[in-house]
Amino acid sequence: MIFEKKHVLVALLLLCIGVLFWSSGFLQDVFAIAQGFVGEHIEKSPVLAVLVFIGLAVVAVVISPFSSAPLVPLVIPVWGETFTIVLLVCGWLIGGMGVYAIGGIFGAPFFSRTKTMQHINYYRHRISGKAEFGLVLLFRFAIPSEIGGYALGMVRYHFAKYLVATLLYEIFAATTLVYLSDAFISGNPFYFIVVLGLMLGITGASLYALRRKIKNHAPS
């Protein structure tokens, strides 16, 4: 299968959340209050707000159960799409460098669920430190950031190439997340479905291609 069940379930969950939000005046009022609260604090302490947002994005990469995604719709009205994308990419890239370093130095993440560690071990035994860049790029697009970062750090993959592959993926992820959030808060179901479909399609296609190529690139 091109898509894993979890990808489809996440897409359906996001769609359900969108439908529920768009059909509920109460939820929209609550969201507006939250937006106002966040926007007020950003305007009062803009530098601190930027540092906190980037810090949360870093944590989201290092600690897999945590996600900074729910904050994105709250900050877009203040920062706009472009600046929000830049902050997400900065935070995620710093986090990506962090998990790479942790994997390379300590050989295992500090905070990891058993299942996450199983995924890390699975891929680090199938992608060598000398894997071609195209394979690693597919890996970054197909597999969650913390798993990819730890695994590539453990096999000592070339850091500069890792950084480029990670940057390309983070730009894609941040851009699609921001525009998905924009469609969510603007109440545009068609736009929302198109962006969500694009995210799901590229992730699924990358995963499919990765699984086909990894058989020929597994370390001996």
Protein backbone atom coordinates (compact mmCIF):
# COMPACT_ATOMS: atom_id res chain seq x y z
CA MET A 1 0.00 0.00 0.00
CA ILE A 2 1.20 3.52 -0.81
CA PHE A 3 -0.44 5.02 2.27
CA GLU A 4 -0.06 3.65 5.77
CA LYS A 5 -3.21 3.41 7.83
CA LYS A 6 -1.97 6.09 10.22
CA HIS A 7 -1.59 8.58 7.35
CA VAL A 8 -5.16 8.02 6.23
CA LEU A 9 -6.44 8.17 9.81
CA VAL A 10 -4.63 11.46 10.46
CA ALA A 11 -6.04 12.93 7.24
CA LEU A 12 -9.56 11.83 8.17
CA LEU A 13 -9.14 13.19 11.70
CA LEU A 14 -8.02 16.59 10.38
CA LEU A 15 -10.95 16.66 7.96
CA CYS A 16 -13.38 15.82 10.77
CA ILE A 17 -11.90 18.54 12.95
CA GLY A 18 -12.28 21.00 10.09
CA VAL A 19 -15.92 20.08 9.47
CA LEU A 20 -16.71 20.29 13.18
CA PHE A 21 -15.02 23.67 13.49
CA TRP A 22 -16.64 25.19 10.41
CA SER A 23 -20.11 24.06 11.52
CA SER A 24 -19.82 25.28 15.11
CA GLY A 25 -20.19 28.96 15.95
CA PHE A 26 -19.19 28.21 19.55
CA LEU A 27 -15.85 26.66 18.53
CA GLN A 28 -15.16 29.54 16.18
CA ASP A 29 -15.81 32.01 19.01
CA VAL A 30 -13.48 30.10 21.34
CA PHE A 31 -10.83 30.00 18.62
CA ALA A 32 -11.19 33.75 18.03
CA ILE A 33 -10.65 34.38 21.74
CA ALA A 34 -7.53 32.18 21.70
CA GLN A 35 -6.23 34.00 18.62
CA GLY A 36 -6.76 37.33 20.32
CA PHE A 37 -4.98 36.17 23.47
CA VAL A 38 -1.98 34.87 21.53
CA GLY A 39 -1.88 37.90 19.25
CA GLU A 40 -1.91 40.29 22.21
CA HIS A 41 1.05 38.57 23.84
CA ILE A 42 2.98 38.45 20.56
CA GLU A 43 2.54 42.19 20.11
CA LYS A 44 3.60 42.88 23.71
CA SER A 45 6.76 40.75 23.53
CA PRO A 46 7.53 40.08 19.84
CA VAL A 47 11.11 38.87 20.33
CA LEU A 48 10.17 36.57 23.21
CA ALA A 49 7.24 35.23 21.20
CA VAL A 50 9.53 34.37 18.30
CA LEU A 51 12.01 32.61 20.60
CA VAL A 52 9.25 30.65 22.35
CA PHE A 53 7.70 29.58 19.05
CA ILE A 54 11.06 28.45 17.64
CA GLY A 55 11.80 26.66 20.93
CA LEU A 56 8.51 24.78 20.79
CA ALA A 57 9.26 23.80 17.18
CA VAL A 58 12.63 22.43 18.31
CA VAL A 59 10.98 20.42 21.10
CA ALA A 60 8.44 19.06 18.60
CA VAL A 61 11.29 17.41 16.67
CA VAL A 62 13.23 16.12 19.67
CA ILE A 63 10.23 14.74 21.57
CA SER A 64 8.02 12.90 19.10
CA PRO A 65 4.65 12.96 20.95
CA PHE A 66 4.78 16.76 21.12
CA SER A 67 3.70 18.92 18.18
CA SER A 68 3.77 22.65 17.57
CA ALA A 69 1.25 22.36 14.72
CA PRO A 70 -1.83 23.45 16.78
CA LEU A 71 -0.14 26.80 17.43
CA VAL A 72 0.20 27.63 13.74
CA PRO A 73 -3.42 28.80 13.12
CA LEU A 74 -3.13 31.05 16.18
CA VAL A 75 -0.04 32.93 15.00
CA ILE A 76 -0.73 33.29 11.26
CA PRO A 77 -3.01 36.35 11.69
CA VAL A 78 -0.15 38.19 13.45
CA TRP A 79 2.95 36.97 11.63
CA GLY A 80 1.50 36.07 8.25
CA GLU A 81 2.20 32.95 6.21
CA THR A 82 5.77 33.69 5.09
CA PHE A 83 7.21 34.64 8.48
CA THR A 84 5.47 31.69 10.15
CA ILE A 85 7.00 29.34 7.59
CA VAL A 86 10.45 30.81 8.25
CA LEU A 87 10.09 30.36 12.02
CA LEU A 88 8.87 26.77 11.65
CA VAL A 89 11.74 25.88 9.33
CA CYS A 90 14.27 27.47 11.72
CA GLY A 91 12.90 25.59 14.72
CA TRP A 92 12.55 22.27 12.95
CA LEU A 93 16.00 22.56 11.39
CA ILE A 94 17.59 23.25 14.77
CA GLY A 95 15.66 20.30 16.19
CA GLY A 96 16.82 18.15 13.27
CA MET A 97 20.44 19.03 13.98
CA GLY A 98 19.84 18.22 17.62
CA VAL A 99 18.43 14.74 17.06
CA TYR A 100 21.19 14.01 14.53
CA ALA A 101 23.79 14.96 17.15
CA ILE A 102 22.08 12.93 19.87
CA GLY A 103 21.87 9.90 17.60
CA GLY A 104 25.50 10.25 16.55
CA ILE A 105 26.94 10.89 20.01
CA PHE A 106 24.75 8.79 22.30
CA GLY A 107 23.36 6.24 19.87
CA ALA A 108 19.80 6.66 21.12
CA PRO A 109 17.30 9.44 21.84
CA PHE A 110 16.85 10.69 25.40
CA PHE A 111 13.08 10.61 25.17
CA SER A 112 11.58 7.88 23.03
CA ARG A 113 8.71 5.48 23.12
CA THR A 114 9.50 1.80 22.54
CA LYS A 115 7.73 1.81 19.18
CA THR A 116 9.68 4.87 18.04
CA MET A 117 12.94 3.19 18.98
CA GLN A 118 11.91 0.13 17.00
CA HIS A 119 11.39 2.30 13.91
CA ILE A 120 14.77 3.99 14.44
CA ASN A 121 16.56 0.64 14.69
CA TYR A 122 14.69 -0.68 11.65
CA TYR A 123 15.88 2.12 9.39
CA ARG A 124 19.39 2.53 10.74
CA HIS A 125 20.04 -1.10 9.80
CA ARG A 126 18.77 -0.49 6.26
CA ILE A 127 20.31 2.88 5.38
CA SER A 128 24.09 3.15 5.54
CA GLY A 129 26.17 6.19 6.26
CA LYS A 130 27.16 6.21 2.59
CA ALA A 131 23.65 6.02 1.15
CA GLU A 132 22.97 8.12 -1.94
CA PHE A 133 21.42 11.54 -1.39
CA GLY A 134 18.24 10.67 -3.30
CA LEU A 135 17.51 7.79 -0.96
CA VAL A 136 18.05 9.96 2.12
CA LEU A 137 15.83 12.69 0.67
CA LEU A 138 13.05 10.14 0.19
CA PHE A 139 13.68 8.98 3.74
CA ARG A 140 13.22 12.50 5.09
CA PHE A 141 9.97 13.01 3.19
CA ALA A 142 8.53 9.62 4.09
CA ILE A 143 9.51 9.14 7.74
CA PRO A 144 8.79 11.37 10.79
CA SER A 145 11.56 13.89 11.43
CA GLU A 146 12.76 12.59 14.80
CA ILE A 147 13.06 9.00 13.52
CA GLY A 148 14.99 10.08 10.44
CA GLY A 149 17.28 12.39 12.38
CA TYR A 150 18.19 9.85 15.03
CA ALA A 151 18.70 7.04 12.50
CA LEU A 152 20.91 9.10 10.18
CA GLY A 153 22.90 10.38 13.13
CA MET A 154 23.50 6.84 14.34
CA VAL A 155 24.87 5.70 10.96
CA ARG A 156 27.02 8.89 10.75
CA TYR A 157 25.49 10.02 7.47
CA HIS A 158 27.27 13.05 5.93
CA PHE A 159 26.07 16.00 8.01
CA ALA A 160 25.98 18.59 5.22
CA LYS A 161 23.91 16.32 2.99
CA TYR A 162 21.65 15.49 5.92
CA LEU A 163 21.18 19.21 6.53
CA VAL A 164 20.24 19.89 2.90
CA ALA A 165 17.77 16.98 2.78
CA THR A 166 16.27 18.06 6.09
CA LEU A 167 15.98 21.69 4.98
CA LEU A 168 14.17 20.71 1.77
CA TYR A 169 11.71 18.58 3.70
CA GLU A 170 11.13 21.18 6.42
CA ILE A 171 10.37 23.86 3.81
CA PHE A 172 7.78 21.56 2.25
CA ALA A 173 6.31 20.55 5.62
CA ALA A 174 6.16 24.10 6.97
CA THR A 175 4.64 25.50 3.78
CA THR A 176 1.91 22.87 3.56
CA LEU A 177 1.15 23.12 7.29
CA VAL A 178 0.83 26.90 7.14
CA TYR A 179 -1.43 26.88 4.09
CA LEU A 180 -3.48 24.03 5.54
CA SER A 181 -3.92 26.15 8.67
CA ASP A 182 -4.80 29.16 6.54
CA ALA A 183 -7.53 27.16 4.80
CA PHE A 184 -8.76 25.98 8.19
CA ILE A 185 -9.12 29.43 9.74
CA SER A 186 -10.55 30.98 6.56
CA GLY A 187 -13.23 28.29 6.34
CA ASN A 188 -12.29 27.10 2.84
CA PRO A 189 -13.02 23.33 2.67
CA PHE A 190 -11.92 22.95 -0.96
CA TYR A 191 -8.55 24.60 -0.32
CA PHE A 192 -8.19 22.55 2.87
CA ILE A 193 -8.84 19.25 1.07
CA VAL A 194 -6.46 20.12 -1.79
CA VAL A 195 -3.56 20.95 0.55
CA LEU A 196 -4.30 17.93 2.74
CA GLY A 197 -4.39 15.71 -0.34
CA LEU A 198 -1.06 17.15 -1.50
CA MET A 199 0.55 16.41 1.87
CA LEU A 200 -0.84 12.88 1.94
CA GLY A 201 0.07 12.22 -1.69
CA ILE A 202 3.69 13.34 -1.46
CA THR A 203 4.24 11.52 1.85
CA GLY A 204 2.63 8.35 0.52
CA ALA A 205 4.53 8.44 -2.77
CA SER A 206 7.81 9.04 -0.92
CA LEU A 207 7.14 6.12 1.41
CA TYR A 208 6.30 3.85 -1.51
CA ALA A 209 9.46 4.85 -3.40
CA LEU A 210 11.57 4.50 -0.25
CA ARG A 211 10.38 0.96 0.38
CA ARG A 212 11.20 -0.01 -3.20
CA LYS A 213 14.67 1.55 -3.17
CA ILE A 214 15.71 0.56 0.33
CA LYS A 215 15.98 -3.12 -0.65
CA ASN A 216 18.81 -2.25 -3.03
CA HIS A 217 20.53 0.19 -0.68
CA ALA A 218 20.55 -1.71 2.62
CA PRO A 219 24.03 -1.91 4.14
CA SER A 220 25.72 -5.25 3.90
